[in-house]
Amino acid sequence: MSQKHHDLHRIGALPRVRPVAVIVAIAAFLVCLWLGWSAARRGASRLLSDYGVRANRLDAANAAVKLTPSDAEAHYARALVLAQSGMFSEAGAATEHAVALRPRDYVLWVELGQDRDQIGDVDGALTAFKEAVRLAPFYAQPRWQLGNLFLRTGRSREAFTELRRAALSDPSLWPQLIDLAWSALRGDAGAVRQVIEPQTPDERLALARYFAKKGKALEAVELFHGGGGASEEDVNNLMSELLAGGMFKEAYEVWRSAAGAKTDAGVAVIVDGSFEGRILRENHGFGWQLARDVQGVTSSLDLQERRSGARSLQLDFNGASDPSARIVSQLGLVEPNSSYRLLFAARSEELVTGGPPVIAVLDANANGLVLAESTPLPQGTSDWMEYEMMFNTSDTTSAVLITLQRQGCSSGPCPVFGRVWLDDFSLRKQ
């Protein structure tokens, strides 16, 4: 056989390529090419959309839509840019394109509602917000938007139903809900409570604190008593609001309830006048309070040296201390236009100072106006001595602050050394 015939024979032996396989291969290549090109276009479109929104560039947003006209995200980005520019009619049209492409996206329906609301299309906005609520019934944003629109159109009952449901989904909205209710109902605490419908202890305490800030002390205390399960921090926060507003009686009721005190009325009552219980530096409200970080003074309950009972309060002075510092104090309720007598016992040991300690009674309603001041505690060493102070309250006085502080020195510095014991405090109305 010749070489030519041999070569032809070998060629004829090769497998034949079927036309269908060629077509499939070409089609697969074209599909891959198209997918790659489509992905590139989509990626470029997203970059343009992001840039357009961040830089508020309508040309970039338009280019994104031109690249991917069937991409809802591109139309949504263009709508945001238009809205940022105040072109709400055009923004609404762009959002409608996005909604048509992705009709089950509640975020797009919320945006459409906002766009329509901006141009005064209340019915259209309500339709959009309701659809967003239908699509995402457990999300806060759609209900919050719907509730706000109801409120602005005078449909208060429906408004607060939606707003409360939104706050249940997102508790961070609770303060805004209370603010809206307070404003819409013109400070009617009873009506606010009715539409807010606080259920949990946290909700009741938040509303109680808000009422306290607004001067609604009785309503605040009523909410507190009906709450139950309040933490110590919650109680302290509420008391702070009441005390800051000069609502001392109501603050005492909160403190008494939280502390489990059995006293029904706190007027002219010294809590633990003989220092039989613990004194906490972080104490809030009523009961004895020790000043924090007063240089040169330490305190303790003494089981050995006492006037009566099982213990007394011992104060050790060891150098410089601020004469104006209220080293130990207690807030007490009193009645206006009344006369009171404060009794206590004290003794000192090796006390040396140019500014001796005194017990002062300050008007809590008048920024610490001094109503009475005891004679200075004796220098050197003394036995237990009884002290008596008389003072009168004004027509605005509802609480006094009983405090141990020091008389000012004629020159500084004003160190103090030695020990002082206090015991047997009592307050009596004359």
Protein backbone atom coordinates (compact mmCIF):
# COMPACT_ATOMS: atom_id res chain seq x y z
CA MET A 1 0.00 0.00 0.00
CA SER A 2 1.33 3.42 -0.91
CA GLN A 3 2.01 6.05 1.73
CA LYS A 4 -0.86 8.21 0.39
CA HIS A 5 -3.37 5.43 0.74
CA HIS A 6 -1.96 4.61 4.14
CA ASP A 7 -2.50 8.20 5.31
CA LEU A 8 -6.03 8.29 3.95
CA HIS A 9 -6.75 5.08 5.75
CA ARG A 10 -5.51 6.59 9.04
CA ILE A 11 -7.63 9.72 8.54
CA GLY A 12 -10.66 7.66 7.84
CA ALA A 13 -10.06 5.84 11.10
CA LEU A 14 -10.48 9.03 13.21
CA PRO A 15 -13.86 9.41 15.03
CA ARG A 16 -16.27 11.57 13.23
CA VAL A 17 -17.39 14.82 14.99
CA ARG A 18 -21.19 14.93 15.12
CA PRO A 19 -22.86 18.21 14.14
CA VAL A 20 -25.13 18.14 17.25
CA ALA A 21 -22.14 18.05 19.61
CA VAL A 22 -20.61 21.01 17.82
CA ILE A 23 -23.82 22.96 18.16
CA VAL A 24 -24.10 22.13 21.89
CA ALA A 25 -20.51 23.17 22.52
CA ILE A 26 -20.99 26.44 20.70
CA ALA A 27 -24.24 27.09 22.56
CA ALA A 28 -22.59 26.39 25.91
CA PHE A 29 -19.77 28.75 25.05
CA LEU A 30 -22.22 31.47 24.06
CA VAL A 31 -24.25 30.96 27.25
CA CYS A 32 -21.11 31.27 29.36
CA LEU A 33 -20.13 34.37 27.43
CA TRP A 34 -23.59 35.86 27.94
CA LEU A 35 -23.64 34.99 31.64
CA GLY A 36 -20.24 36.55 32.12
CA TRP A 37 -21.33 39.68 30.26
CA SER A 38 -24.59 39.80 32.24
CA ALA A 39 -22.75 39.43 35.54
CA ALA A 40 -20.35 42.16 34.51
CA ARG A 41 -23.24 44.46 33.60
CA ARG A 42 -25.02 43.71 36.89
CA GLY A 43 -21.83 44.32 38.86
CA ALA A 44 -21.22 47.60 37.07
CA SER A 45 -24.83 48.59 37.63
CA ARG A 46 -24.60 47.92 41.39
CA LEU A 47 -21.42 49.96 41.64
CA LEU A 48 -23.09 52.86 39.82
CA SER A 49 -26.19 52.54 42.01
CA ASP A 50 -24.18 52.59 45.24
CA TYR A 51 -22.13 55.55 44.07
CA GLY A 52 -25.23 57.40 42.93
CA VAL A 53 -26.93 57.05 46.32
CA ARG A 54 -23.83 57.93 48.34
CA ALA A 55 -22.87 60.93 46.20
CA ASN A 56 -26.45 61.88 45.28
CA ARG A 57 -25.57 61.66 41.58
CA LEU A 58 -28.60 61.17 39.36
CA ASP A 59 -26.43 60.58 36.27
CA ALA A 60 -24.85 57.53 37.92
CA ALA A 61 -28.27 56.18 38.97
CA ASN A 62 -29.59 56.70 35.41
CA ALA A 63 -26.59 54.86 33.99
CA ALA A 64 -27.25 51.94 36.35
CA VAL A 65 -30.86 51.67 35.16
CA LYS A 66 -29.72 51.84 31.53
CA LEU A 67 -27.27 49.00 32.13
CA THR A 68 -29.83 46.76 33.91
CA PRO A 69 -33.37 47.97 33.18
CA SER A 70 -34.86 44.79 34.67
CA ASP A 71 -33.01 45.11 37.98
CA ALA A 72 -35.29 46.38 40.77
CA GLU A 73 -32.26 47.46 42.81
CA ALA A 74 -31.20 49.93 40.12
CA HIS A 75 -34.65 51.54 40.00
CA TYR A 76 -34.76 51.67 43.81
CA ALA A 77 -31.38 53.42 43.93
CA ARG A 78 -32.57 55.92 41.33
CA ALA A 79 -35.70 56.55 43.42
CA LEU A 80 -33.58 57.26 46.50
CA VAL A 81 -31.45 59.77 44.60
CA LEU A 82 -34.55 61.50 43.25
CA ALA A 83 -36.08 61.64 46.74
CA GLN A 84 -32.86 63.08 48.17
CA SER A 85 -33.14 65.82 45.58
CA GLY A 86 -36.76 66.57 46.48
CA MET A 87 -38.13 65.16 43.22
CA PHE A 88 -40.77 63.03 44.90
CA SER A 89 -43.10 62.55 41.92
CA GLU A 90 -40.23 61.18 39.83
CA ALA A 91 -39.03 59.16 42.82
CA GLY A 92 -42.47 57.57 43.14
CA ALA A 93 -42.43 56.59 39.49
CA ALA A 94 -39.00 55.03 39.86
CA THR A 95 -40.11 53.13 42.95
CA GLU A 96 -43.18 51.86 41.11
CA HIS A 97 -40.81 50.36 38.51
CA ALA A 98 -38.89 48.65 41.30
CA VAL A 99 -42.10 47.36 42.89
CA ALA A 100 -43.29 45.95 39.57
CA LEU A 101 -40.04 44.01 39.26
CA ARG A 102 -39.99 42.84 42.90
CA PRO A 103 -43.56 43.03 44.22
CA ARG A 104 -42.99 41.01 47.40
CA ASP A 105 -40.30 43.32 48.81
CA TYR A 106 -41.87 45.24 51.72
CA VAL A 107 -38.98 47.76 51.77
CA LEU A 108 -39.94 48.92 48.27
CA TRP A 109 -43.57 49.34 49.33
CA VAL A 110 -42.47 51.42 52.34
CA GLU A 111 -40.37 53.64 50.05
CA LEU A 112 -43.31 53.98 47.66
CA GLY A 113 -45.55 55.01 50.55
CA GLN A 114 -43.07 57.66 51.63
CA ASP A 115 -42.75 59.02 48.09
CA ARG A 116 -46.52 59.26 47.72
CA ASP A 117 -46.88 60.83 51.16
CA GLN A 118 -44.42 63.55 50.18
CA ILE A 119 -46.58 64.66 47.23
CA GLY A 120 -49.79 64.58 49.28
CA ASP A 121 -51.16 61.34 47.84
CA VAL A 122 -52.53 60.10 51.18
CA ASP A 123 -54.67 57.31 49.73
CA GLY A 124 -51.79 56.04 47.62
CA ALA A 125 -49.44 56.19 50.59
CA LEU A 126 -51.89 54.28 52.80
CA THR A 127 -52.25 51.60 50.12
CA ALA A 128 -48.48 51.21 49.89
CA PHE A 129 -47.93 51.10 53.66
CA LYS A 130 -50.75 48.59 54.14
CA GLU A 131 -49.23 46.34 51.50
CA ALA A 132 -45.87 46.59 53.29
CA VAL A 133 -47.58 45.56 56.54
CA ARG A 134 -49.28 42.65 54.79
CA LEU A 135 -45.95 41.44 53.41
CA ALA A 136 -44.04 41.91 56.70
CA PRO A 137 -46.60 41.83 59.54
CA PHE A 138 -43.98 41.28 62.28
CA TYR A 139 -41.59 44.02 61.18
CA ALA A 140 -41.63 47.38 62.94
CA GLN A 141 -40.94 49.79 60.07
CA PRO A 142 -44.08 49.23 57.97
CA ARG A 143 -46.42 49.52 60.96
CA TRP A 144 -44.54 52.59 62.28
CA GLN A 145 -44.95 54.36 58.92
CA LEU A 146 -48.60 53.38 58.64
CA GLY A 147 -49.30 54.49 62.22
CA ASN A 148 -47.65 57.87 61.70
CA LEU A 149 -49.72 58.49 58.58
CA PHE A 150 -52.92 57.50 60.42
CA LEU A 151 -51.98 59.91 63.21
CA ARG A 152 -51.35 62.81 60.84
CA THR A 153 -54.69 62.24 59.15
CA GLY A 154 -56.65 62.25 62.42
CA ARG A 155 -57.21 58.50 62.72
CA SER A 156 -55.76 58.27 66.24
CA ARG A 157 -57.26 54.96 67.27
CA GLU A 158 -55.90 53.13 64.23
CA ALA A 159 -52.65 55.06 64.57
CA PHE A 160 -51.81 53.92 68.07
CA THR A 161 -52.82 50.35 67.30
CA GLU A 162 -50.17 50.26 64.58
CA LEU A 163 -47.59 52.28 66.53
CA ARG A 164 -47.87 50.04 69.56
CA ARG A 165 -47.49 46.91 67.40
CA ALA A 166 -44.37 48.48 65.89
CA ALA A 167 -42.96 49.17 69.37
CA LEU A 168 -43.66 45.57 70.38
CA SER A 169 -41.50 44.44 67.46
CA ASP A 170 -38.81 47.03 68.17
CA PRO A 171 -38.69 48.17 71.84
CA SER A 172 -36.30 51.00 70.93
CA LEU A 173 -39.36 52.78 69.48
CA TRP A 174 -41.05 52.88 72.90
CA PRO A 175 -39.77 56.38 73.91
CA GLN A 176 -40.89 57.80 70.56
CA LEU A 177 -44.29 56.17 70.97
CA ILE A 178 -44.74 57.82 74.39
CA ASP A 179 -43.65 61.19 72.97
CA LEU A 180 -46.11 60.93 70.09
CA ALA A 181 -48.95 59.99 72.43
CA TRP A 182 -48.12 62.80 74.87
CA SER A 183 -48.07 65.37 72.07
CA ALA A 184 -51.16 64.06 70.27
CA LEU A 185 -53.19 63.86 73.50
CA ARG A 186 -51.93 67.20 74.84
CA GLY A 187 -50.42 65.88 78.04
CA ASP A 188 -53.46 63.95 79.26
CA ALA A 189 -51.66 61.26 81.28
CA GLY A 190 -54.74 59.06 81.60
CA ALA A 191 -55.39 59.12 77.87
CA VAL A 192 -51.73 58.46 77.12
CA ARG A 193 -51.73 55.43 79.37
CA GLN A 194 -54.93 54.18 77.75
CA VAL A 195 -53.59 54.31 74.19
CA ILE A 196 -50.09 53.11 75.14
CA GLU A 197 -51.41 50.11 77.11
CA PRO A 198 -48.16 49.29 78.95
CA GLN A 199 -48.05 45.59 79.75
CA THR A 200 -44.57 44.65 80.94
CA PRO A 201 -42.71 46.02 83.98
CA ASP A 202 -40.20 47.71 81.65
CA GLU A 203 -42.99 49.44 79.74
CA ARG A 204 -44.70 50.61 82.94
CA LEU A 205 -41.46 51.93 84.42
CA ALA A 206 -40.57 53.76 81.19
CA LEU A 207 -43.97 55.44 81.13
CA ALA A 208 -43.76 56.19 84.87
CA ARG A 209 -40.40 57.93 84.40
CA TYR A 210 -41.82 59.93 81.51
CA PHE A 211 -44.78 61.03 83.63
CA ALA A 212 -42.38 61.99 86.44
CA LYS A 213 -40.41 64.20 84.04
CA LYS A 214 -43.64 65.88 82.99
CA GLY A 215 -44.70 66.53 86.60
CA LYS A 216 -47.36 63.82 86.70
CA ALA A 217 -46.21 62.37 90.00
CA LEU A 218 -49.38 60.59 91.08
CA GLU A 219 -49.73 58.87 87.73
CA ALA A 220 -46.06 57.87 87.85
CA VAL A 221 -46.39 56.30 91.29
CA GLU A 222 -49.60 54.51 90.28
CA LEU A 223 -47.84 52.97 87.31
CA PHE A 224 -44.93 51.93 89.51
CA HIS A 225 -47.18 50.19 92.02
CA GLY A 226 -49.01 48.38 89.26
CA GLY A 227 -45.84 47.26 87.48
CA GLY A 228 -44.17 44.69 89.69
CA GLY A 229 -40.81 43.15 89.01
CA ALA A 230 -38.96 46.47 88.89
CA SER A 231 -35.19 46.24 89.16
CA GLU A 232 -33.19 48.31 91.63
CA GLU A 233 -31.90 50.41 88.74
CA ASP A 234 -35.47 51.06 87.56
CA VAL A 235 -36.52 52.16 91.05
CA ASN A 236 -33.50 54.44 91.41
CA ASN A 237 -34.10 56.01 88.00
CA LEU A 238 -37.74 56.71 88.80
CA MET A 239 -36.86 58.15 92.21
CA SER A 240 -34.24 60.37 90.60
CA GLU A 241 -36.82 61.75 88.18
CA LEU A 242 -39.28 62.43 91.01
CA LEU A 243 -36.68 64.01 93.27
CA ALA A 244 -35.34 66.19 90.45
CA GLY A 245 -38.87 67.50 89.98
CA GLY A 246 -39.32 68.23 93.69
CA MET A 247 -41.89 65.46 94.07
CA PHE A 248 -40.54 64.23 97.40
CA LYS A 249 -43.68 62.59 98.77
CA GLU A 250 -44.15 60.54 95.63
CA ALA A 251 -40.46 59.61 95.60
CA TYR A 252 -40.81 58.44 99.19
CA GLU A 253 -43.76 56.22 98.21
CA VAL A 254 -41.65 54.59 95.51
CA TRP A 255 -38.72 54.13 97.91
CA ARG A 256 -40.94 52.78 100.70
CA SER A 257 -42.63 50.28 98.39
CA ALA A 258 -39.35 49.07 96.89
CA ALA A 259 -37.66 48.82 100.30
CA GLY A 260 -40.59 46.96 101.84
CA ALA A 261 -40.88 49.56 104.61
CA LYS A 262 -43.92 49.19 106.86
CA THR A 263 -44.29 52.91 107.64
CA ASP A 264 -47.46 54.25 106.04
CA ALA A 265 -46.46 57.90 106.10
CA GLY A 266 -43.00 59.38 105.83
CA VAL A 267 -43.77 62.86 107.23
CA ALA A 268 -41.44 63.77 110.11
CA VAL A 269 -39.86 60.29 110.06
CA ILE A 270 -36.13 59.70 110.44
CA VAL A 271 -35.26 56.37 108.86
CA ASP A 272 -33.00 54.31 111.14
CA GLY A 273 -32.24 57.21 113.47
CA SER A 274 -30.02 55.01 115.68
CA PHE A 275 -27.95 53.53 112.80
CA GLU A 276 -29.02 49.96 113.50
CA GLY A 277 -29.04 48.95 109.85
CA ARG A 278 -26.51 49.04 107.05
CA ILE A 279 -25.59 52.30 105.33
CA LEU A 280 -24.91 51.94 101.62
CA ARG A 281 -22.80 54.45 99.71
CA GLU A 282 -24.88 53.76 96.62
CA ASN A 283 -28.13 54.36 98.50
CA HIS A 284 -30.71 56.42 96.62
CA GLY A 285 -33.68 58.39 97.84
CA PHE A 286 -34.32 58.10 101.57
CA GLY A 287 -32.42 56.63 104.48
CA TRP A 288 -28.87 57.57 105.46
CA GLN A 289 -26.48 58.38 102.65
CA LEU A 290 -22.72 58.70 102.86
CA ALA A 291 -20.92 61.10 100.55
CA ARG A 292 -18.58 59.46 98.09
CA ASP A 293 -14.90 60.26 97.73
CA VAL A 294 -14.66 62.82 100.55
CA GLN A 295 -10.95 63.18 101.22
CA GLY A 296 -9.76 62.62 104.78
CA VAL A 297 -12.98 61.08 106.16
CA THR A 298 -13.85 57.43 106.80
CA SER A 299 -17.04 56.06 108.32
CA SER A 300 -18.07 52.88 110.10
CA LEU A 301 -20.77 51.48 112.38
CA ASP A 302 -19.41 51.17 115.90
CA LEU A 303 -20.69 48.30 118.08
CA GLN A 304 -18.81 49.46 121.19
CA GLU A 305 -19.46 53.20 121.40
CA ARG A 306 -23.18 53.99 121.30
CA ARG A 307 -25.79 56.23 122.92
CA SER A 308 -28.57 53.66 122.64
CA GLY A 309 -29.38 50.56 120.67
CA ALA A 310 -26.67 48.30 119.32
CA ARG A 311 -24.46 50.72 117.40
CA SER A 312 -23.67 54.27 116.37
CA LEU A 313 -22.09 55.97 113.35
CA GLN A 314 -18.39 56.72 113.74
CA LEU A 315 -16.62 59.28 111.54
CA ASP A 316 -12.82 59.46 111.51
CA PHE A 317 -11.21 62.70 110.29
CA ASN A 318 -7.63 62.49 109.15
CA GLY A 319 -6.50 65.71 107.49
CA ALA A 320 -7.89 68.00 104.81
CA SER A 321 -11.53 67.61 103.81
CA ASP A 322 -13.97 69.87 102.02
CA PRO A 323 -15.88 71.84 104.70
CA SER A 324 -18.92 72.11 102.43
CA ALA A 325 -19.14 68.35 101.79
CA ARG A 326 -22.31 66.70 103.13
CA ILE A 327 -20.52 63.80 104.78
CA VAL A 328 -23.64 62.00 105.95
CA SER A 329 -27.22 63.03 105.17
CA GLN A 330 -30.84 61.98 105.07
CA LEU A 331 -33.83 63.37 103.21
CA GLY A 332 -37.01 63.69 105.26
CA LEU A 333 -40.59 64.67 104.49
CA VAL A 334 -42.17 67.62 106.31
CA GLU A 335 -45.29 69.75 105.96
CA PRO A 336 -45.32 73.37 104.80
CA ASN A 337 -45.71 76.22 107.31
CA SER A 338 -44.92 73.99 110.27
CA SER A 339 -42.51 73.93 113.21
CA TYR A 340 -40.23 70.97 113.91
CA ARG A 341 -37.73 69.86 116.51
CA LEU A 342 -34.72 67.75 115.55
CA LEU A 343 -33.04 65.76 118.33
CA PHE A 344 -29.77 63.82 118.14
CA ALA A 345 -26.79 62.76 120.28
CA ALA A 346 -23.08 63.12 119.53
CA ARG A 347 -19.69 62.79 121.14
CA SER A 348 -16.14 63.56 120.01
CA GLU A 349 -12.63 62.32 120.70
CA GLU A 350 -9.42 64.27 120.16
CA LEU A 351 -11.22 66.52 117.66
CA VAL A 352 -8.99 69.36 116.43
CA THR A 353 -9.99 71.73 113.62
CA GLY A 354 -10.64 75.33 112.68
CA GLY A 355 -13.92 74.23 111.05
CA PRO A 356 -15.81 71.96 113.46
CA PRO A 357 -18.61 69.61 112.33
CA VAL A 358 -22.23 70.72 112.68
CA ILE A 359 -25.63 69.22 111.89
CA ALA A 360 -27.58 71.40 109.45
CA VAL A 361 -31.18 71.27 108.24
CA LEU A 362 -31.60 72.42 104.63
CA ASP A 363 -34.77 73.19 102.68
CA ALA A 364 -34.85 70.62 99.86
CA ASN A 365 -37.35 72.75 97.93
CA ALA A 366 -35.21 75.90 98.06
CA ASN A 367 -31.85 74.74 96.71
CA GLY A 368 -30.41 73.94 100.11
CA LEU A 369 -31.46 77.04 102.04
CA VAL A 370 -30.27 76.57 105.65
CA LEU A 371 -33.24 76.37 108.02
CA ALA A 372 -31.23 75.55 111.17
CA GLU A 373 -27.73 74.66 112.29
CA SER A 374 -26.63 73.00 115.51
CA THR A 375 -23.93 74.30 117.79
CA PRO A 376 -20.53 72.97 116.69
CA LEU A 377 -19.58 69.55 118.00
CA PRO A 378 -17.05 70.08 120.80
CA GLN A 379 -13.32 70.08 120.16
CA GLY A 380 -11.12 67.74 122.14
CA THR A 381 -12.85 64.81 123.84
CA SER A 382 -16.40 64.83 125.20
CA ASP A 383 -18.99 62.39 126.50
CA TRP A 384 -22.31 61.85 124.77
CA MET A 385 -24.27 65.08 124.53
CA GLU A 386 -27.88 65.65 123.46
CA TYR A 387 -28.62 68.33 120.88
CA GLU A 388 -31.91 70.01 120.02
CA MET A 389 -32.66 72.14 116.97
CA MET A 390 -35.84 74.05 116.12
CA PHE A 391 -36.78 75.09 112.60
CA ASN A 392 -39.79 76.32 110.63
CA THR A 393 -40.79 75.36 107.12
CA SER A 394 -42.06 77.77 104.49
CA ASP A 395 -45.24 77.47 102.46
CA THR A 396 -43.26 75.68 99.71
CA THR A 397 -41.27 73.27 101.89
CA SER A 398 -42.19 69.59 101.60
CA ALA A 399 -38.82 68.00 102.43
CA VAL A 400 -35.66 68.82 104.35
CA LEU A 401 -32.13 67.48 104.12
CA ILE A 402 -30.49 66.68 107.46
CA THR A 403 -26.73 66.62 107.01
CA LEU A 404 -23.43 66.64 108.84
CA GLN A 405 -21.00 69.12 107.36
CA ARG A 406 -18.36 71.49 108.66
CA GLN A 407 -18.28 75.16 109.44
CA GLY A 408 -16.04 77.12 107.12
CA CYS A 409 -12.57 78.09 108.29
CA SER A 410 -11.42 81.69 108.44
CA SER A 411 -8.37 80.75 106.38
CA GLY A 412 -7.25 77.76 104.39
CA PRO A 413 -6.27 75.03 104.33
CA CYS A 414 -8.79 73.71 106.83
CA PRO A 415 -7.73 70.27 108.12
CA VAL A 416 -9.62 68.29 110.75
CA PHE A 417 -8.41 65.44 112.95
CA GLY A 418 -10.18 63.21 115.45
CA ARG A 419 -13.34 61.15 115.76
CA VAL A 420 -17.05 61.90 116.02
CA TRP A 421 -19.94 59.57 116.91
CA LEU A 422 -23.62 60.21 116.02
CA ASP A 423 -26.73 58.46 117.38
CA ASP A 424 -30.43 58.80 118.31
CA PHE A 425 -31.81 61.09 115.57
CA SER A 426 -35.50 61.90 115.75
CA LEU A 427 -37.77 64.52 114.18
CA ARG A 428 -40.96 65.79 115.80
CA LYS A 429 -43.59 68.21 114.67
CA GLN A 430 -44.40 70.90 117.24
